[in-house]
């Protein structure tokens, strides 16, 4: 399991398994967010199994599937309040962790500087500098 901390409220990870959930709970995460559609790829764990494991270990479960490479403003509109209201810290996962990072970055752009967001993502191992125009668009939504 490859958990990458973005900040004190959220970390991201590539695909997890039901066997990983006990360790995720032990590490202190309160909310598990799945940003990967069920059956996106042959052989990936079933979301129902991950949800059951999350519940068994006392984690809140959020299933918010987003198509890779096609994050819409509606996706961001759903992600932003979910992250604000979720029990912290949050662990979000998808195939590689990139989709979760992009969702976080675009939602955070409404309240934080793009420079700060890019730096946090870079520290977690994700280069999202190409999102600058879209982050600027999201920042404009709060004006």
N, C-alpha and C. Protein backbone atom coordinates (compact mmCIF):
# COMPACT_ATOMS: atom_id res chain seq x y z
N UNK A 1 0.86 -1.17 0.00
CA UNK A 1 0.00 0.00 0.00
C UNK A 1 0.90 1.23 0.00
N UNK A 2 0.57 2.18 -0.85
CA UNK A 2 1.40 3.37 -1.06
C UNK A 2 0.59 4.62 -0.74
N UNK A 3 0.52 4.98 0.54
CA UNK A 3 -0.23 6.16 0.96
C UNK A 3 0.67 7.38 0.85
N UNK A 4 0.13 8.42 0.20
CA UNK A 4 0.89 9.65 0.00
C UNK A 4 0.13 10.82 0.63
N UNK A 5 0.73 11.39 1.66
CA UNK A 5 0.09 12.49 2.40
C UNK A 5 0.20 13.79 1.62
N UNK A 6 -0.95 14.42 1.39
CA UNK A 6 -0.99 15.74 0.76
C UNK A 6 -0.89 16.81 1.84
N UNK A 7 -1.73 16.69 2.85
CA UNK A 7 -1.66 17.57 4.02
C UNK A 7 -2.31 16.84 5.19
N UNK A 8 -2.54 17.53 6.29
CA UNK A 8 -3.07 16.86 7.48
C UNK A 8 -4.51 16.39 7.32
N UNK A 9 -5.20 16.87 6.29
CA UNK A 9 -6.60 16.48 6.12
C UNK A 9 -6.80 15.36 5.13
N UNK A 10 -5.89 15.22 4.14
CA UNK A 10 -6.10 14.24 3.08
C UNK A 10 -4.80 13.61 2.61
N UNK A 11 -4.89 12.31 2.37
CA UNK A 11 -3.84 11.55 1.70
C UNK A 11 -4.49 10.83 0.54
N UNK A 12 -3.67 10.40 -0.40
CA UNK A 12 -4.18 9.67 -1.55
C UNK A 12 -3.37 8.38 -1.70
N UNK A 13 -3.94 7.45 -2.46
CA UNK A 13 -3.26 6.17 -2.67
C UNK A 13 -3.72 5.55 -3.98
N UNK A 14 -2.84 4.74 -4.56
CA UNK A 14 -3.30 3.88 -5.65
C UNK A 14 -4.28 2.84 -5.09
N UNK A 15 -4.84 2.05 -5.96
CA UNK A 15 -5.84 1.05 -5.60
C UNK A 15 -5.46 0.31 -4.32
N UNK A 16 -6.39 0.22 -3.41
CA UNK A 16 -6.21 -0.55 -2.18
C UNK A 16 -7.00 -1.85 -2.30
N UNK A 17 -6.76 -2.75 -1.34
CA UNK A 17 -7.53 -3.99 -1.26
C UNK A 17 -8.27 -4.02 0.07
N UNK A 18 -9.20 -4.94 0.20
CA UNK A 18 -9.94 -5.09 1.46
C UNK A 18 -8.98 -5.42 2.60
N UNK A 19 -7.90 -6.14 2.30
CA UNK A 19 -6.92 -6.48 3.33
C UNK A 19 -6.16 -5.25 3.82
N UNK A 20 -6.11 -4.18 3.05
CA UNK A 20 -5.41 -2.95 3.45
C UNK A 20 -6.22 -2.12 4.44
N UNK A 21 -7.51 -2.34 4.51
CA UNK A 21 -8.39 -1.43 5.26
C UNK A 21 -8.10 -1.45 6.76
N UNK A 22 -7.76 -2.59 7.32
CA UNK A 22 -7.43 -2.64 8.75
C UNK A 22 -6.24 -1.73 9.05
N UNK A 23 -5.22 -1.76 8.19
CA UNK A 23 -4.04 -0.91 8.38
C UNK A 23 -4.40 0.56 8.20
N UNK A 24 -5.26 0.86 7.25
CA UNK A 24 -5.71 2.24 7.04
C UNK A 24 -6.39 2.76 8.30
N UNK A 25 -7.24 1.95 8.90
CA UNK A 25 -7.90 2.35 10.15
C UNK A 25 -6.87 2.49 11.28
N UNK A 26 -5.94 1.56 11.36
CA UNK A 26 -4.91 1.61 12.40
C UNK A 26 -4.07 2.88 12.29
N UNK A 27 -3.85 3.34 11.07
CA UNK A 27 -3.08 4.57 10.84
C UNK A 27 -3.85 5.83 11.21
N UNK A 28 -5.13 5.68 11.55
CA UNK A 28 -5.90 6.81 12.05
C UNK A 28 -6.82 7.49 11.05
N UNK A 29 -6.92 6.96 9.85
CA UNK A 29 -7.83 7.56 8.88
C UNK A 29 -9.26 7.36 9.35
N UNK A 30 -10.10 8.34 9.07
CA UNK A 30 -11.50 8.30 9.50
C UNK A 30 -12.46 8.07 8.34
N UNK A 31 -12.06 8.53 7.14
CA UNK A 31 -12.93 8.43 5.97
C UNK A 31 -12.12 7.84 4.81
N UNK A 32 -12.75 6.89 4.11
CA UNK A 32 -12.15 6.27 2.94
C UNK A 32 -13.00 6.66 1.73
N UNK A 33 -12.35 7.27 0.74
CA UNK A 33 -13.05 7.77 -0.44
C UNK A 33 -12.58 7.01 -1.67
N UNK A 34 -13.51 6.42 -2.38
CA UNK A 34 -13.22 5.71 -3.62
C UNK A 34 -13.57 6.60 -4.80
N UNK A 35 -12.56 7.02 -5.55
CA UNK A 35 -12.80 7.84 -6.74
C UNK A 35 -12.69 7.03 -8.03
N UNK A 36 -12.64 5.74 -7.88
CA UNK A 36 -12.50 4.85 -9.03
C UNK A 36 -13.82 4.14 -9.28
N UNK A 37 -14.31 4.16 -10.53
CA UNK A 37 -15.54 3.41 -10.81
C UNK A 37 -15.35 1.92 -10.58
N UNK A 38 -16.37 1.27 -10.07
CA UNK A 38 -16.36 -0.18 -9.91
C UNK A 38 -16.19 -0.81 -11.29
N UNK A 39 -15.39 -1.83 -11.37
CA UNK A 39 -15.14 -2.58 -12.61
C UNK A 39 -14.50 -1.72 -13.69
N UNK A 40 -13.75 -0.70 -13.30
CA UNK A 40 -13.04 0.11 -14.28
C UNK A 40 -12.00 -0.74 -15.02
N UNK A 41 -11.43 -1.68 -14.30
CA UNK A 41 -10.38 -2.52 -14.85
C UNK A 41 -10.57 -3.95 -14.36
N UNK A 42 -10.34 -4.90 -15.21
CA UNK A 42 -10.48 -6.30 -14.83
C UNK A 42 -9.57 -6.60 -13.63
N UNK A 43 -10.13 -7.28 -12.66
CA UNK A 43 -9.34 -7.72 -11.52
C UNK A 43 -9.25 -6.75 -10.36
N UNK A 44 -9.78 -5.54 -10.49
CA UNK A 44 -9.71 -4.63 -9.35
C UNK A 44 -10.70 -5.09 -8.28
N UNK A 45 -10.42 -4.79 -7.02
CA UNK A 45 -11.34 -5.18 -5.96
C UNK A 45 -12.72 -4.57 -6.14
N UNK A 46 -13.74 -5.31 -5.77
CA UNK A 46 -15.12 -4.81 -5.85
C UNK A 46 -15.33 -3.73 -4.80
N UNK A 47 -15.98 -2.66 -5.18
CA UNK A 47 -16.24 -1.57 -4.24
C UNK A 47 -17.09 -2.04 -3.07
N UNK A 48 -18.01 -2.97 -3.30
CA UNK A 48 -18.84 -3.48 -2.20
C UNK A 48 -17.96 -4.16 -1.14
N UNK A 49 -16.91 -4.86 -1.57
CA UNK A 49 -16.01 -5.51 -0.61
C UNK A 49 -15.21 -4.47 0.17
N UNK A 50 -14.79 -3.42 -0.51
CA UNK A 50 -14.04 -2.35 0.17
C UNK A 50 -14.94 -1.59 1.14
N UNK A 51 -16.17 -1.36 0.73
CA UNK A 51 -17.13 -0.68 1.61
C UNK A 51 -17.38 -1.51 2.86
N UNK A 52 -17.56 -2.82 2.70
CA UNK A 52 -17.79 -3.70 3.85
C UNK A 52 -16.59 -3.69 4.79
N UNK A 53 -15.39 -3.71 4.23
CA UNK A 53 -14.18 -3.66 5.06
C UNK A 53 -14.08 -2.33 5.79
N UNK A 54 -14.41 -1.23 5.10
CA UNK A 54 -14.38 0.08 5.75
C UNK A 54 -15.34 0.11 6.93
N UNK A 55 -16.55 -0.37 6.73
CA UNK A 55 -17.54 -0.37 7.80
C UNK A 55 -17.09 -1.27 8.95
N UNK A 56 -16.53 -2.41 8.62
CA UNK A 56 -16.05 -3.35 9.65
C UNK A 56 -14.98 -2.72 10.54
N UNK A 57 -14.20 -1.80 9.97
CA UNK A 57 -13.10 -1.18 10.71
C UNK A 57 -13.43 0.24 11.16
N UNK A 58 -14.70 0.61 11.11
CA UNK A 58 -15.14 1.89 11.67
C UNK A 58 -14.85 3.11 10.83
N UNK A 59 -14.59 2.92 9.54
CA UNK A 59 -14.31 4.05 8.66
C UNK A 59 -15.58 4.49 7.95
N UNK A 60 -15.73 5.77 7.76
CA UNK A 60 -16.80 6.27 6.90
C UNK A 60 -16.39 5.95 5.47
N UNK A 61 -17.36 5.61 4.65
CA UNK A 61 -17.11 5.21 3.26
C UNK A 61 -17.81 6.18 2.33
N UNK A 62 -17.09 6.69 1.34
CA UNK A 62 -17.67 7.56 0.33
C UNK A 62 -17.30 6.99 -1.03
N UNK A 63 -18.31 6.66 -1.81
CA UNK A 63 -18.09 6.18 -3.17
C UNK A 63 -18.44 7.32 -4.12
N UNK A 64 -17.40 7.90 -4.72
CA UNK A 64 -17.56 9.05 -5.60
C UNK A 64 -16.75 8.77 -6.87
N UNK A 65 -17.27 7.88 -7.73
CA UNK A 65 -16.50 7.50 -8.91
C UNK A 65 -16.37 8.63 -9.92
N UNK A 66 -15.18 8.75 -10.47
CA UNK A 66 -14.88 9.78 -11.45
C UNK A 66 -14.12 9.11 -12.59
N UNK A 67 -14.50 9.41 -13.81
CA UNK A 67 -13.83 8.84 -14.96
C UNK A 67 -12.44 9.45 -15.11
N UNK A 68 -11.44 8.61 -15.23
CA UNK A 68 -10.06 9.06 -15.37
C UNK A 68 -9.91 9.96 -16.59
N UNK A 69 -9.28 11.12 -16.38
CA UNK A 69 -9.03 12.05 -17.46
C UNK A 69 -10.22 12.91 -17.84
N UNK A 70 -11.34 12.76 -17.14
CA UNK A 70 -12.55 13.52 -17.49
C UNK A 70 -13.23 14.07 -16.23
N UNK A 71 -12.47 14.79 -15.43
CA UNK A 71 -13.02 15.37 -14.20
C UNK A 71 -13.81 16.62 -14.57
N UNK A 72 -15.09 16.60 -14.21
CA UNK A 72 -15.98 17.70 -14.56
C UNK A 72 -16.11 18.68 -13.39
N UNK A 73 -16.66 19.85 -13.69
CA UNK A 73 -16.94 20.81 -12.61
C UNK A 73 -17.94 20.22 -11.63
N UNK A 74 -18.88 19.39 -12.10
CA UNK A 74 -19.82 18.73 -11.19
C UNK A 74 -19.09 17.80 -10.23
N UNK A 75 -18.07 17.09 -10.73
CA UNK A 75 -17.26 16.22 -9.85
C UNK A 75 -16.60 17.05 -8.76
N UNK A 76 -16.06 18.19 -9.14
CA UNK A 76 -15.39 19.08 -8.17
C UNK A 76 -16.41 19.63 -7.18
N UNK A 77 -17.59 20.00 -7.68
CA UNK A 77 -18.66 20.51 -6.82
C UNK A 77 -19.09 19.49 -5.78
N UNK A 78 -19.01 18.21 -6.10
CA UNK A 78 -19.34 17.15 -5.14
C UNK A 78 -18.18 16.88 -4.20
N UNK A 79 -16.97 16.90 -4.72
CA UNK A 79 -15.79 16.55 -3.93
C UNK A 79 -15.50 17.60 -2.86
N UNK A 80 -15.58 18.87 -3.20
CA UNK A 80 -15.20 19.95 -2.28
C UNK A 80 -15.98 19.89 -0.96
N UNK A 81 -17.32 19.85 -0.97
CA UNK A 81 -18.02 19.80 0.31
C UNK A 81 -17.85 18.46 1.02
N UNK A 82 -17.71 17.38 0.26
CA UNK A 82 -17.51 16.08 0.89
C UNK A 82 -16.23 16.10 1.72
N UNK A 83 -15.16 16.65 1.15
CA UNK A 83 -13.89 16.71 1.87
C UNK A 83 -14.01 17.64 3.09
N UNK A 84 -14.69 18.77 2.92
CA UNK A 84 -14.87 19.70 4.04
C UNK A 84 -15.59 19.03 5.20
N UNK A 85 -16.60 18.23 4.90
CA UNK A 85 -17.48 17.66 5.93
C UNK A 85 -17.04 16.28 6.43
N UNK A 86 -16.14 15.63 5.74
CA UNK A 86 -15.72 14.27 6.09
C UNK A 86 -14.92 14.25 7.38
N UNK A 87 -15.01 13.12 8.09
CA UNK A 87 -14.13 12.90 9.23
C UNK A 87 -12.69 12.87 8.75
N UNK A 88 -11.82 13.53 9.46
CA UNK A 88 -10.42 13.65 9.04
C UNK A 88 -9.53 12.79 9.93
N UNK A 89 -8.43 12.36 9.38
CA UNK A 89 -7.98 12.53 8.00
C UNK A 89 -8.70 11.60 7.03
N UNK A 90 -8.68 12.00 5.78
CA UNK A 90 -9.32 11.28 4.68
C UNK A 90 -8.24 10.56 3.88
N UNK A 91 -8.55 9.35 3.45
CA UNK A 91 -7.71 8.67 2.47
C UNK A 91 -8.57 8.44 1.23
N UNK A 92 -8.17 9.03 0.12
CA UNK A 92 -8.88 8.85 -1.16
C UNK A 92 -8.02 7.98 -2.05
N UNK A 93 -8.66 7.08 -2.80
CA UNK A 93 -7.89 6.22 -3.69
C UNK A 93 -8.56 6.11 -5.05
N UNK A 94 -7.72 5.79 -6.03
CA UNK A 94 -8.16 5.50 -7.40
C UNK A 94 -7.14 4.52 -7.97
N UNK A 95 -6.97 4.48 -9.27
CA UNK A 95 -6.02 3.53 -9.85
C UNK A 95 -4.59 3.85 -9.44
N UNK A 96 -4.20 5.14 -9.56
CA UNK A 96 -2.81 5.53 -9.27
C UNK A 96 -2.69 6.58 -8.18
N UNK A 97 -3.79 7.18 -7.78
CA UNK A 97 -3.78 8.30 -6.84
C UNK A 97 -3.84 9.65 -7.53
N UNK A 98 -3.58 9.68 -8.82
CA UNK A 98 -3.56 10.95 -9.56
C UNK A 98 -4.94 11.57 -9.64
N UNK A 99 -5.94 10.81 -9.95
CA UNK A 99 -7.32 11.31 -10.08
C UNK A 99 -7.77 11.97 -8.77
N UNK A 100 -7.46 11.33 -7.65
CA UNK A 100 -7.81 11.89 -6.34
C UNK A 100 -7.07 13.19 -6.10
N UNK A 101 -5.79 13.22 -6.49
CA UNK A 101 -4.99 14.42 -6.31
C UNK A 101 -5.54 15.56 -7.14
N UNK A 102 -5.93 15.27 -8.37
CA UNK A 102 -6.50 16.30 -9.25
C UNK A 102 -7.83 16.81 -8.68
N UNK A 103 -8.68 15.91 -8.22
CA UNK A 103 -9.94 16.33 -7.59
C UNK A 103 -9.68 17.24 -6.40
N UNK A 104 -8.75 16.83 -5.55
CA UNK A 104 -8.40 17.65 -4.38
C UNK A 104 -7.87 19.01 -4.83
N UNK A 105 -6.94 19.00 -5.80
CA UNK A 105 -6.32 20.25 -6.24
C UNK A 105 -7.34 21.22 -6.80
N UNK A 106 -8.23 20.73 -7.64
CA UNK A 106 -9.21 21.63 -8.26
C UNK A 106 -10.21 22.14 -7.23
N UNK A 107 -10.56 21.31 -6.26
CA UNK A 107 -11.48 21.80 -5.22
C UNK A 107 -10.75 22.76 -4.27
N UNK A 108 -9.48 22.48 -3.97
CA UNK A 108 -8.71 23.36 -3.08
C UNK A 108 -8.41 24.70 -3.73
N UNK A 109 -8.38 24.74 -5.06
CA UNK A 109 -8.07 25.99 -5.78
C UNK A 109 -9.10 27.06 -5.50
N UNK A 110 -10.25 26.68 -5.01
CA UNK A 110 -11.28 27.66 -4.69
C UNK A 110 -10.93 28.47 -3.44
N UNK A 111 -10.01 27.93 -2.62
CA UNK A 111 -9.67 28.58 -1.36
C UNK A 111 -8.17 28.78 -1.13
N UNK A 112 -7.32 28.15 -1.94
CA UNK A 112 -5.87 28.21 -1.73
C UNK A 112 -5.17 28.61 -3.02
N UNK A 113 -3.93 29.05 -2.90
CA UNK A 113 -3.18 29.46 -4.09
C UNK A 113 -2.73 28.23 -4.88
N UNK A 114 -2.67 28.40 -6.19
CA UNK A 114 -2.21 27.31 -7.06
C UNK A 114 -0.78 26.91 -6.70
N UNK A 115 0.05 27.86 -6.35
CA UNK A 115 1.44 27.57 -6.00
C UNK A 115 1.50 26.63 -4.78
N UNK A 116 0.69 26.91 -3.77
CA UNK A 116 0.65 26.08 -2.57
C UNK A 116 0.13 24.67 -2.91
N UNK A 117 -0.90 24.60 -3.73
CA UNK A 117 -1.50 23.32 -4.12
C UNK A 117 -0.50 22.48 -4.91
N UNK A 118 0.16 23.09 -5.89
CA UNK A 118 1.14 22.37 -6.71
C UNK A 118 2.28 21.85 -5.83
N UNK A 119 2.72 22.66 -4.86
CA UNK A 119 3.80 22.24 -3.97
C UNK A 119 3.39 21.04 -3.12
N UNK A 120 2.19 21.07 -2.57
CA UNK A 120 1.72 19.94 -1.76
C UNK A 120 1.61 18.67 -2.60
N UNK A 121 1.08 18.80 -3.80
CA UNK A 121 0.96 17.63 -4.68
C UNK A 121 2.35 17.11 -5.05
N UNK A 122 3.28 18.01 -5.36
CA UNK A 122 4.64 17.60 -5.71
C UNK A 122 5.29 16.85 -4.55
N UNK A 123 5.09 17.34 -3.32
CA UNK A 123 5.64 16.66 -2.15
C UNK A 123 5.07 15.26 -1.98
N UNK A 124 3.88 15.05 -2.50
CA UNK A 124 3.25 13.72 -2.43
C UNK A 124 3.61 12.86 -3.64
N UNK A 125 4.37 13.44 -4.58
CA UNK A 125 4.82 12.67 -5.73
C UNK A 125 3.99 12.84 -6.99
N UNK A 126 3.17 13.89 -7.05
CA UNK A 126 2.31 14.12 -8.22
C UNK A 126 2.62 15.48 -8.82
N UNK A 127 2.88 15.51 -10.12
CA UNK A 127 3.13 16.77 -10.82
C UNK A 127 1.81 17.22 -11.46
N UNK A 128 1.20 18.23 -10.87
CA UNK A 128 -0.07 18.74 -11.38
C UNK A 128 0.08 20.16 -11.92
N UNK A 129 1.32 20.55 -12.21
CA UNK A 129 1.56 21.93 -12.67
C UNK A 129 0.76 22.25 -13.94
N UNK A 130 0.46 21.26 -14.74
CA UNK A 130 -0.33 21.48 -15.94
C UNK A 130 -1.77 21.87 -15.67
N UNK A 131 -2.20 21.76 -14.42
CA UNK A 131 -3.57 22.14 -14.05
C UNK A 131 -3.73 23.62 -13.75
N UNK A 132 -2.66 24.40 -13.87
CA UNK A 132 -2.72 25.81 -13.49
C UNK A 132 -3.90 26.55 -14.11
N UNK A 133 -4.16 26.42 -15.42
CA UNK A 133 -5.31 27.14 -15.99
C UNK A 133 -6.65 26.70 -15.38
N UNK A 134 -6.78 25.42 -15.14
CA UNK A 134 -8.05 24.93 -14.57
C UNK A 134 -8.17 25.35 -13.10
N UNK A 135 -7.06 25.40 -12.37
CA UNK A 135 -7.10 25.88 -10.99
C UNK A 135 -7.48 27.36 -10.97
N UNK A 136 -6.97 28.13 -11.90
CA UNK A 136 -7.32 29.55 -11.97
C UNK A 136 -8.82 29.71 -12.25
N UNK A 137 -9.36 28.85 -13.13
CA UNK A 137 -10.79 28.89 -13.42
C UNK A 137 -11.59 28.58 -12.16
N UNK A 138 -11.15 27.57 -11.38
CA UNK A 138 -11.85 27.21 -10.15
C UNK A 138 -11.74 28.31 -9.11
N UNK A 139 -10.57 28.96 -9.04
CA UNK A 139 -10.39 30.06 -8.09
C UNK A 139 -11.35 31.19 -8.42
N UNK A 140 -11.62 31.40 -9.69
CA UNK A 140 -12.55 32.46 -10.13
C UNK A 140 -13.98 32.20 -9.72
N UNK A 141 -14.32 30.95 -9.41
CA UNK A 141 -15.68 30.62 -8.98
C UNK A 141 -16.01 31.18 -7.61
N UNK A 142 -15.00 31.50 -6.82
CA UNK A 142 -15.22 32.04 -5.47
C UNK A 142 -15.22 33.55 -5.45
N UNK A 143 -15.08 34.16 -6.58
CA UNK A 143 -15.02 35.63 -6.62
C UNK A 143 -16.40 36.23 -6.67
